[in-house]
């Protein structure tokens, strides 16, 4: 049912980060903000059931296309926990 979910395509914005928990994406957004890189969060989290795992709970971080390279380099320096093995198996 939820096979091959991908971030939404938003004109002039690129998804650079996705996780199953909002706090990780918020941390990344704050990190980019401190580097003057604009970003926006798109959450597909099901608030009715407060799920934070699986395909119905993904949270995405987008940056304007012109900031993509700078944001990706910054994200490589950010020390966030890696995706769990169960997240990788779903992909």
C-alpha atoms as a PDB file:
ATOM      1  CA  UNK A   1       0.000   0.000   0.000  1.00  0.00           C
ATOM      2  CA  UNK A   2       2.782   2.469   0.901  1.00  0.00           C
ATOM      3  CA  UNK A   3       5.549   1.049  -1.293  1.00  0.00           C
ATOM      4  CA  UNK A   4       8.140   3.448  -2.687  1.00  0.00           C
ATOM      5  CA  UNK A   5       6.939   6.572  -0.905  1.00  0.00           C
ATOM      6  CA  UNK A   6       8.939   9.585  -1.959  1.00  0.00           C
ATOM      7  CA  UNK A   7       9.009  13.202  -0.830  1.00  0.00           C
ATOM      8  CA  UNK A   8       6.569  15.513  -2.580  1.00  0.00           C
ATOM      9  CA  UNK A   9       7.993  17.475  -5.450  1.00  0.00           C
ATOM     10  CA  UNK A  10       7.686  21.150  -4.609  1.00  0.00           C
ATOM     11  CA  UNK A  11       8.637  23.738  -7.207  1.00  0.00           C
ATOM     12  CA  UNK A  12      12.033  25.327  -6.485  1.00  0.00           C
ATOM     13  CA  UNK A  13      12.536  23.243  -3.290  1.00  0.00           C
ATOM     14  CA  UNK A  14      14.563  20.062  -2.722  1.00  0.00           C
ATOM     15  CA  UNK A  15      14.086  17.468   0.004  1.00  0.00           C
ATOM     16  CA  UNK A  16      17.473  16.919   1.663  1.00  0.00           C
ATOM     17  CA  UNK A  17      16.515  14.976   4.780  1.00  0.00           C
ATOM     18  CA  UNK A  18      13.758  12.648   5.967  1.00  0.00           C
ATOM     19  CA  UNK A  19      13.114  10.813   9.202  1.00  0.00           C
ATOM     20  CA  UNK A  20      10.318   9.163  11.107  1.00  0.00           C
ATOM     21  CA  UNK A  21      10.534  11.553  14.060  1.00  0.00           C
ATOM     22  CA  UNK A  22       9.912  15.275  14.090  1.00  0.00           C
ATOM     23  CA  UNK A  23      12.611  16.076  16.643  1.00  0.00           C
ATOM     24  CA  UNK A  24      15.398  14.907  14.314  1.00  0.00           C
ATOM     25  CA  UNK A  25      14.095  17.023  11.447  1.00  0.00           C
ATOM     26  CA  UNK A  26      13.592  19.997  13.796  1.00  0.00           C
ATOM     27  CA  UNK A  27      17.209  19.625  14.946  1.00  0.00           C
ATOM     28  CA  UNK A  28      18.400  19.644  11.335  1.00  0.00           C
ATOM     29  CA  UNK A  29      16.225  22.675  10.528  1.00  0.00           C
ATOM     30  CA  UNK A  30      17.654  24.567  13.521  1.00  0.00           C
ATOM     31  CA  UNK A  31      21.184  23.632  12.484  1.00  0.00           C
ATOM     32  CA  UNK A  32      20.603  24.951   8.962  1.00  0.00           C
ATOM     33  CA  UNK A  33      18.968  28.080  10.356  1.00  0.00           C
ATOM     34  CA  UNK A  34      22.112  28.803  12.378  1.00  0.00           C
ATOM     35  CA  UNK A  35      24.034  28.642   9.099  1.00  0.00           C
ATOM     36  CA  UNK A  36      21.560  31.061   7.429  1.00  0.00           C
ATOM     37  CA  UNK A  37      20.183  28.316   5.177  1.00  0.00           C
ATOM     38  CA  UNK A  38      16.397  28.605   4.828  1.00  0.00           C
ATOM     39  CA  UNK A  39      14.392  25.400   5.197  1.00  0.00           C
ATOM     40  CA  UNK A  40      10.841  24.154   5.658  1.00  0.00           C
ATOM     41  CA  UNK A  41       9.412  20.994   7.196  1.00  0.00           C
ATOM     42  CA  UNK A  42       6.716  18.878   5.583  1.00  0.00           C
ATOM     43  CA  UNK A  43       5.262  16.332   7.988  1.00  0.00           C
ATOM     44  CA  UNK A  44       3.162  13.405   6.834  1.00  0.00           C
ATOM     45  CA  UNK A  45       2.776  12.225  10.389  1.00  0.00           C
ATOM     46  CA  UNK A  46      -0.666  10.899  11.248  1.00  0.00           C
ATOM     47  CA  UNK A  47      -1.622  13.073  14.192  1.00  0.00           C
ATOM     48  CA  UNK A  48      -4.870  11.194  14.794  1.00  0.00           C
ATOM     49  CA  UNK A  49      -2.943   8.147  15.973  1.00  0.00           C
ATOM     50  CA  UNK A  50       0.304   9.904  16.945  1.00  0.00           C
ATOM     51  CA  UNK A  51       2.365   7.419  14.962  1.00  0.00           C
ATOM     52  CA  UNK A  52       6.099   8.000  14.660  1.00  0.00           C
ATOM     53  CA  UNK A  53       7.205   4.920  12.742  1.00  0.00           C
ATOM     54  CA  UNK A  54       6.568   3.621   9.277  1.00  0.00           C
ATOM     55  CA  UNK A  55       5.615   5.243   6.004  1.00  0.00           C
ATOM     56  CA  UNK A  56       2.655   7.184   7.420  1.00  0.00           C
ATOM     57  CA  UNK A  57       4.914   9.074   9.805  1.00  0.00           C
ATOM     58  CA  UNK A  58       7.650  10.496   7.584  1.00  0.00           C
ATOM     59  CA  UNK A  59       8.850  14.043   8.132  1.00  0.00           C
ATOM     60  CA  UNK A  60      10.774  15.831   5.372  1.00  0.00           C
ATOM     61  CA  UNK A  61      13.140  18.821   5.357  1.00  0.00           C
ATOM     62  CA  UNK A  62      13.235  20.983   2.239  1.00  0.00           C
ATOM     63  CA  UNK A  63      15.592  23.767   1.178  1.00  0.00           C
ATOM     64  CA  UNK A  64      15.415  26.142  -1.805  1.00  0.00           C
ATOM     65  CA  UNK A  65      17.205  24.660  -4.828  1.00  0.00           C
ATOM     66  CA  UNK A  66      19.910  27.329  -4.749  1.00  0.00           C
ATOM     67  CA  UNK A  67      20.884  26.204  -1.215  1.00  0.00           C
ATOM     68  CA  UNK A  68      20.924  22.460  -1.943  1.00  0.00           C
ATOM     69  CA  UNK A  69      24.695  21.932  -2.129  1.00  0.00           C
ATOM     70  CA  UNK A  70      25.408  24.108   0.900  1.00  0.00           C
ATOM     71  CA  UNK A  71      22.666  22.345   2.899  1.00  0.00           C
ATOM     72  CA  UNK A  72      23.841  18.851   1.950  1.00  0.00           C
ATOM     73  CA  UNK A  73      27.401  19.696   2.981  1.00  0.00           C
ATOM     74  CA  UNK A  74      26.112  21.066   6.283  1.00  0.00           C
ATOM     75  CA  UNK A  75      24.023  17.945   6.884  1.00  0.00           C
ATOM     76  CA  UNK A  76      27.119  15.770   6.452  1.00  0.00           C
ATOM     77  CA  UNK A  77      28.691  17.649   9.358  1.00  0.00           C
ATOM     78  CA  UNK A  78      25.599  17.362  11.565  1.00  0.00           C
ATOM     79  CA  UNK A  79      25.874  14.531  14.068  1.00  0.00           C
ATOM     80  CA  UNK A  80      22.382  12.994  14.066  1.00  0.00           C
ATOM     81  CA  UNK A  81      21.745   9.301  14.688  1.00  0.00           C
ATOM     82  CA  UNK A  82      21.700   7.205  11.521  1.00  0.00           C
ATOM     83  CA  UNK A  83      18.458   5.703  10.310  1.00  0.00           C
ATOM     84  CA  UNK A  84      17.639   2.467  12.066  1.00  0.00           C
ATOM     85  CA  UNK A  85      18.016  -0.854  10.267  1.00  0.00           C
ATOM     86  CA  UNK A  86      14.230  -1.232  10.142  1.00  0.00           C
ATOM     87  CA  UNK A  87      13.947   2.109   8.302  1.00  0.00           C
ATOM     88  CA  UNK A  88      16.488   0.977   5.722  1.00  0.00           C
ATOM     89  CA  UNK A  89      14.726  -2.341   5.158  1.00  0.00           C
ATOM     90  CA  UNK A  90      11.486  -0.544   4.278  1.00  0.00           C
ATOM     91  CA  UNK A  91      13.155   1.364   1.419  1.00  0.00           C
END
